N, C-alpha and C. Protein backbone atom coordinates (compact mmCIF):
# COMPACT_ATOMS: atom_id res chain seq x y z
N GLN A 1 185.95 200.81 153.87
CA GLN A 1 184.87 199.91 154.25
C GLN A 1 183.79 199.89 153.18
N VAL A 2 183.05 198.81 153.16
CA VAL A 2 181.96 198.62 152.21
C VAL A 2 180.71 198.26 152.99
N GLN A 3 179.60 198.89 152.63
CA GLN A 3 178.32 198.56 153.24
C GLN A 3 177.44 197.89 152.17
N LEU A 4 176.75 196.84 152.58
CA LEU A 4 175.87 196.10 151.68
C LEU A 4 174.46 196.10 152.25
N VAL A 5 173.49 196.38 151.40
CA VAL A 5 172.09 196.39 151.83
C VAL A 5 171.28 195.57 150.85
N GLU A 6 170.65 194.51 151.37
CA GLU A 6 169.81 193.65 150.55
C GLU A 6 168.36 194.13 150.57
N SER A 7 167.65 193.76 149.53
CA SER A 7 166.22 194.02 149.46
C SER A 7 165.58 192.98 148.56
N GLY A 8 164.26 192.89 148.63
CA GLY A 8 163.53 192.01 147.73
C GLY A 8 162.98 190.75 148.36
N GLY A 9 163.34 190.46 149.59
CA GLY A 9 162.79 189.28 150.25
C GLY A 9 161.29 189.43 150.48
N ASP A 10 160.62 188.30 150.45
CA ASP A 10 159.16 188.35 150.57
C ASP A 10 158.62 186.95 150.84
N LEU A 11 157.31 186.87 151.02
CA LEU A 11 156.59 185.61 151.11
C LEU A 11 156.04 185.30 149.73
N VAL A 12 156.32 184.10 149.24
CA VAL A 12 155.88 183.72 147.90
C VAL A 12 155.44 182.26 147.91
N GLN A 13 154.53 181.91 147.02
CA GLN A 13 154.08 180.53 146.93
C GLN A 13 155.08 179.69 146.15
N ALA A 14 155.08 178.41 146.43
CA ALA A 14 155.95 177.49 145.71
C ALA A 14 155.70 177.61 144.21
N GLY A 15 156.77 177.60 143.46
CA GLY A 15 156.69 177.78 142.02
C GLY A 15 156.83 179.22 141.58
N GLY A 16 156.79 180.13 142.54
CA GLY A 16 156.89 181.54 142.21
C GLY A 16 158.32 182.02 142.05
N SER A 17 158.46 183.31 141.87
CA SER A 17 159.77 183.93 141.63
C SER A 17 159.96 185.14 142.53
N LEU A 18 161.21 185.43 142.80
CA LEU A 18 161.60 186.64 143.51
C LEU A 18 162.92 187.12 142.95
N ARG A 19 163.14 188.42 143.08
CA ARG A 19 164.42 188.99 142.67
C ARG A 19 165.00 189.74 143.86
N LEU A 20 166.14 189.29 144.31
CA LEU A 20 166.84 189.95 145.40
C LEU A 20 167.87 190.92 144.82
N SER A 21 168.02 192.04 145.50
CA SER A 21 169.02 193.02 145.09
C SER A 21 169.92 193.35 146.27
N CYS A 22 171.14 193.71 145.94
CA CYS A 22 172.11 194.10 146.97
C CYS A 22 172.82 195.35 146.46
N ALA A 23 172.74 196.41 147.23
CA ALA A 23 173.39 197.67 146.87
C ALA A 23 174.61 197.87 147.74
N ALA A 24 175.72 198.15 147.09
CA ALA A 24 176.98 198.38 147.81
C ALA A 24 177.30 199.87 147.85
N SER A 25 177.85 200.31 148.96
CA SER A 25 178.28 201.70 149.09
C SER A 25 179.59 201.74 149.87
N GLY A 26 180.24 202.87 149.80
CA GLY A 26 181.53 203.00 150.46
C GLY A 26 182.65 202.79 149.45
N ARG A 27 183.65 202.00 149.81
CA ARG A 27 184.81 201.77 148.96
C ARG A 27 184.51 200.71 147.91
N THR A 28 183.52 201.00 147.09
CA THR A 28 183.06 200.00 146.13
C THR A 28 184.06 199.74 145.02
N PHE A 29 184.99 200.63 144.80
CA PHE A 29 185.97 200.40 143.74
C PHE A 29 186.87 199.23 144.07
N SER A 30 186.84 198.82 145.34
CA SER A 30 187.73 197.75 145.77
C SER A 30 187.03 196.40 145.86
N LEU A 31 185.83 196.30 145.32
CA LEU A 31 185.09 195.04 145.42
C LEU A 31 185.60 193.99 144.44
N GLY A 32 185.71 192.79 144.94
CA GLY A 32 186.06 191.67 144.10
C GLY A 32 184.82 190.82 143.88
N THR A 33 184.95 189.51 144.07
CA THR A 33 183.82 188.61 143.93
C THR A 33 182.70 188.97 144.92
N MET A 34 181.48 188.87 144.43
CA MET A 34 180.31 189.06 145.29
C MET A 34 179.47 187.80 145.24
N GLY A 35 178.75 187.57 146.32
CA GLY A 35 177.98 186.33 146.37
C GLY A 35 176.74 186.44 147.21
N TRP A 36 175.97 185.37 147.16
CA TRP A 36 174.78 185.23 147.99
C TRP A 36 174.90 183.94 148.80
N PHE A 37 174.53 184.06 150.05
CA PHE A 37 174.46 182.91 150.94
C PHE A 37 173.08 182.90 151.57
N ARG A 38 172.70 181.79 152.15
CA ARG A 38 171.43 181.73 152.85
C ARG A 38 171.57 180.89 154.12
N GLN A 39 170.70 181.21 155.05
CA GLN A 39 170.76 180.53 156.34
C GLN A 39 169.37 180.33 156.89
N SER A 40 169.09 179.08 157.27
CA SER A 40 167.82 178.75 157.92
C SER A 40 168.09 178.57 159.41
N PRO A 41 167.05 178.69 160.24
CA PRO A 41 167.24 178.56 161.69
C PRO A 41 167.90 177.23 162.05
N GLY A 42 168.93 177.31 162.86
CA GLY A 42 169.61 176.11 163.32
C GLY A 42 170.57 175.50 162.33
N LYS A 43 170.74 176.13 161.18
CA LYS A 43 171.62 175.59 160.15
C LYS A 43 172.77 176.55 159.88
N GLU A 44 173.78 176.03 159.20
CA GLU A 44 174.91 176.86 158.82
C GLU A 44 174.53 177.76 157.65
N ARG A 45 175.35 178.77 157.46
CA ARG A 45 175.16 179.66 156.33
C ARG A 45 175.71 178.96 155.07
N ASP A 46 174.84 178.76 154.11
CA ASP A 46 175.19 177.99 152.92
C ASP A 46 175.40 178.88 151.70
N PHE A 47 176.31 178.48 150.88
CA PHE A 47 176.58 179.16 149.61
C PHE A 47 175.41 178.98 148.66
N VAL A 48 175.06 180.05 147.96
CA VAL A 48 174.01 180.00 146.94
C VAL A 48 174.61 180.29 145.56
N SER A 49 175.30 181.42 145.44
CA SER A 49 175.80 181.82 144.14
C SER A 49 176.88 182.88 144.32
N ALA A 50 177.76 183.00 143.32
CA ALA A 50 178.79 184.02 143.34
C ALA A 50 179.09 184.48 141.93
N ILE A 51 179.59 185.71 141.84
CA ILE A 51 179.95 186.28 140.54
C ILE A 51 181.26 187.05 140.70
N THR A 52 182.15 186.86 139.77
CA THR A 52 183.45 187.51 139.87
C THR A 52 183.36 189.01 139.58
N ALA A 53 184.46 189.71 139.81
CA ALA A 53 184.45 191.17 139.77
C ALA A 53 183.95 191.74 138.45
N THR A 54 184.34 191.11 137.35
CA THR A 54 183.90 191.62 136.04
C THR A 54 182.59 191.01 135.59
N GLY A 55 182.09 190.06 136.36
CA GLY A 55 180.87 189.36 135.95
C GLY A 55 181.13 188.26 134.95
N GLY A 56 182.39 187.98 134.67
CA GLY A 56 182.71 187.00 133.64
C GLY A 56 182.48 185.56 134.05
N SER A 57 182.49 185.30 135.33
CA SER A 57 182.27 183.93 135.81
C SER A 57 181.20 183.93 136.89
N LYS A 58 180.33 182.94 136.81
CA LYS A 58 179.24 182.81 137.77
C LYS A 58 179.24 181.38 138.31
N TYR A 59 178.89 181.25 139.55
CA TYR A 59 178.91 179.95 140.21
C TYR A 59 177.61 179.77 140.99
N TYR A 60 177.16 178.52 141.04
CA TYR A 60 175.90 178.22 141.71
C TYR A 60 176.02 176.95 142.53
N ALA A 61 175.31 176.93 143.64
CA ALA A 61 175.15 175.68 144.37
C ALA A 61 174.31 174.74 143.54
N ASP A 62 174.56 173.45 143.67
CA ASP A 62 173.81 172.47 142.90
C ASP A 62 172.31 172.59 143.13
N SER A 63 171.94 172.96 144.34
CA SER A 63 170.52 173.01 144.69
C SER A 63 169.76 174.12 143.99
N VAL A 64 170.46 175.10 143.44
CA VAL A 64 169.78 176.22 142.79
C VAL A 64 170.12 176.33 141.31
N LYS A 65 171.02 175.51 140.86
CA LYS A 65 171.46 175.57 139.46
C LYS A 65 170.27 175.36 138.53
N GLY A 66 170.15 176.22 137.54
CA GLY A 66 169.05 176.14 136.60
C GLY A 66 167.81 176.90 137.04
N ARG A 67 167.77 177.31 138.30
CA ARG A 67 166.61 178.07 138.81
C ARG A 67 166.98 179.50 139.18
N PHE A 68 168.19 179.70 139.68
CA PHE A 68 168.63 181.02 140.11
C PHE A 68 169.65 181.58 139.12
N THR A 69 169.63 182.90 138.98
CA THR A 69 170.59 183.57 138.12
C THR A 69 171.15 184.78 138.84
N ILE A 70 172.47 184.87 138.90
CA ILE A 70 173.14 186.01 139.54
C ILE A 70 173.60 186.97 138.46
N SER A 71 173.53 188.26 138.78
CA SER A 71 174.00 189.27 137.85
C SER A 71 174.60 190.43 138.63
N ARG A 72 175.34 191.25 137.92
CA ARG A 72 176.07 192.32 138.60
C ARG A 72 176.12 193.53 137.68
N ASP A 73 175.94 194.71 138.27
CA ASP A 73 176.06 195.98 137.54
C ASP A 73 177.07 196.83 138.28
N ASN A 74 178.30 196.83 137.81
CA ASN A 74 179.36 197.55 138.51
C ASN A 74 179.18 199.08 138.41
N ALA A 75 178.51 199.54 137.39
CA ALA A 75 178.25 200.98 137.27
C ALA A 75 177.32 201.45 138.38
N LYS A 76 176.42 200.57 138.80
CA LYS A 76 175.47 200.92 139.85
C LYS A 76 175.84 200.31 141.19
N ASN A 77 176.91 199.53 141.21
CA ASN A 77 177.36 198.87 142.45
C ASN A 77 176.27 197.99 143.03
N THR A 78 175.66 197.20 142.19
CA THR A 78 174.60 196.30 142.64
C THR A 78 174.86 194.88 142.15
N VAL A 79 174.33 193.94 142.90
CA VAL A 79 174.31 192.54 142.48
C VAL A 79 172.90 192.03 142.75
N ALA A 80 172.41 191.22 141.85
CA ALA A 80 171.04 190.73 141.95
C ALA A 80 171.01 189.20 141.88
N LEU A 81 169.96 188.64 142.43
CA LEU A 81 169.74 187.21 142.37
C LEU A 81 168.30 186.97 141.95
N GLN A 82 168.13 186.51 140.72
CA GLN A 82 166.80 186.17 140.22
C GLN A 82 166.52 184.73 140.60
N MET A 83 165.43 184.51 141.33
CA MET A 83 165.11 183.18 141.83
C MET A 83 163.77 182.73 141.24
N ASN A 84 163.80 181.66 140.49
CA ASN A 84 162.60 181.11 139.86
C ASN A 84 162.32 179.72 140.40
N SER A 85 161.10 179.26 140.16
CA SER A 85 160.69 177.91 140.57
C SER A 85 161.03 177.65 142.03
N LEU A 86 160.66 178.58 142.86
CA LEU A 86 161.00 178.49 144.29
C LEU A 86 160.25 177.33 144.95
N THR A 87 160.92 176.72 145.90
CA THR A 87 160.32 175.64 146.70
C THR A 87 160.45 176.00 148.18
N PRO A 88 159.69 175.33 149.04
CA PRO A 88 159.81 175.61 150.48
C PRO A 88 161.24 175.42 151.00
N ASP A 89 162.03 174.59 150.35
CA ASP A 89 163.42 174.40 150.78
C ASP A 89 164.28 175.64 150.55
N ASP A 90 163.79 176.57 149.78
CA ASP A 90 164.53 177.81 149.55
C ASP A 90 164.27 178.84 150.64
N THR A 91 163.38 178.54 151.55
CA THR A 91 163.09 179.45 152.65
C THR A 91 164.31 179.65 153.52
N ALA A 92 164.68 180.90 153.71
CA ALA A 92 165.89 181.23 154.48
C ALA A 92 166.06 182.74 154.52
N VAL A 93 166.99 183.17 155.34
CA VAL A 93 167.47 184.54 155.26
C VAL A 93 168.62 184.55 154.25
N TYR A 94 168.52 185.43 153.28
CA TYR A 94 169.52 185.52 152.22
C TYR A 94 170.45 186.70 152.50
N TYR A 95 171.74 186.42 152.43
CA TYR A 95 172.76 187.42 152.70
C TYR A 95 173.59 187.70 151.46
N CYS A 96 173.82 188.97 151.24
CA CYS A 96 174.75 189.41 150.21
C CYS A 96 176.14 189.52 150.84
N ALA A 97 177.15 189.13 150.08
CA ALA A 97 178.52 189.18 150.60
C ALA A 97 179.46 189.68 149.51
N ALA A 98 180.55 190.27 149.93
CA ALA A 98 181.55 190.76 148.98
C ALA A 98 182.93 190.58 149.59
N ARG A 99 183.90 190.47 148.73
CA ARG A 99 185.26 190.36 149.24
C ARG A 99 186.20 191.26 148.47
N ASN A 100 187.31 191.53 149.06
CA ASN A 100 188.29 192.41 148.45
C ASN A 100 188.91 191.72 147.23
N PRO A 101 189.37 192.48 146.27
CA PRO A 101 190.03 191.88 145.12
C PRO A 101 191.32 191.20 145.54
N GLY A 102 191.73 190.25 144.74
CA GLY A 102 192.97 189.54 145.05
C GLY A 102 192.79 188.37 145.97
N VAL A 103 191.57 188.10 146.38
CA VAL A 103 191.27 186.91 147.18
C VAL A 103 190.85 185.82 146.22
N PHE A 104 191.50 184.68 146.29
CA PHE A 104 191.22 183.61 145.34
C PHE A 104 190.79 182.35 146.07
N GLY A 105 189.95 181.59 145.38
CA GLY A 105 189.51 180.33 145.94
C GLY A 105 188.48 180.48 147.03
N GLY A 106 187.84 179.39 147.33
CA GLY A 106 186.89 179.35 148.45
C GLY A 106 185.71 180.28 148.32
N LEU A 107 185.26 180.51 147.07
CA LEU A 107 184.15 181.45 146.91
C LEU A 107 182.86 180.92 147.48
N ASP A 108 182.82 179.65 147.84
CA ASP A 108 181.63 179.09 148.47
C ASP A 108 181.77 179.04 149.99
N SER A 109 182.80 179.67 150.51
CA SER A 109 183.06 179.65 151.94
C SER A 109 182.78 181.02 152.55
N PRO A 110 181.88 181.11 153.54
CA PRO A 110 181.58 182.41 154.16
C PRO A 110 182.83 183.10 154.71
N GLY A 111 183.79 182.33 155.17
CA GLY A 111 185.00 182.90 155.75
C GLY A 111 185.88 183.63 154.76
N LYS A 112 185.62 183.46 153.47
CA LYS A 112 186.42 184.10 152.42
C LYS A 112 185.85 185.44 151.99
N TYR A 113 184.81 185.90 152.65
CA TYR A 113 184.18 187.18 152.32
C TYR A 113 184.43 188.19 153.43
N ASP A 114 184.62 189.42 153.01
CA ASP A 114 184.99 190.48 153.95
C ASP A 114 183.81 191.33 154.41
N TYR A 115 182.78 191.40 153.60
CA TYR A 115 181.65 192.31 153.89
C TYR A 115 180.35 191.54 153.75
N TRP A 116 179.41 191.88 154.63
CA TRP A 116 178.12 191.20 154.65
C TRP A 116 176.99 192.21 154.82
N GLY A 117 175.86 191.90 154.19
CA GLY A 117 174.65 192.66 154.43
C GLY A 117 173.93 192.13 155.65
N GLN A 118 172.80 192.75 155.96
CA GLN A 118 172.04 192.37 157.16
C GLN A 118 171.09 191.21 156.90
N GLY A 119 170.88 190.87 155.63
CA GLY A 119 170.02 189.75 155.27
C GLY A 119 168.60 190.18 154.93
N THR A 120 167.96 189.39 154.09
CA THR A 120 166.57 189.62 153.74
C THR A 120 165.86 188.27 153.75
N GLN A 121 164.66 188.25 154.32
CA GLN A 121 163.94 186.99 154.53
C GLN A 121 163.19 186.58 153.27
N VAL A 122 163.39 185.34 152.88
CA VAL A 122 162.61 184.74 151.80
C VAL A 122 161.85 183.56 152.39
N THR A 123 160.54 183.59 152.23
CA THR A 123 159.70 182.50 152.72
C THR A 123 158.87 181.97 151.58
N VAL A 124 158.97 180.67 151.35
CA VAL A 124 158.23 180.03 150.27
C VAL A 124 157.20 179.09 150.89
N SER A 125 155.94 179.34 150.63
CA SER A 125 154.88 178.52 151.19
C SER A 125 154.51 177.41 150.21
N SER A 126 154.10 176.28 150.78
CA SER A 126 153.73 175.13 149.94
C SER A 126 152.27 175.18 149.53
């Protein structure tokens, strides 16, 4: 099993920045792609970004491309999401997710991930 714990959520003004972190523990040697999703009240959980096991490939939702940057440190079993130029539309609970190696495709689909964190709240005020 793998446990994921997010941190870094906060209240920030529009135009500001935040850095989210996700620490993995447990059977971390078996981690494949890791990603970030977000969910607002009454809405589905949406894909934000993903990074492959070696960090060689990164993917972003169109809504965050150019503003958010995902990174990964396998030595420390962490994944981070640097968020710049935040807008009120970025307000949501952000979830870290990970999946077992050997799972291909659908990296923007919550159903393709095996492990989830508890979420961290990001609120952007106008």
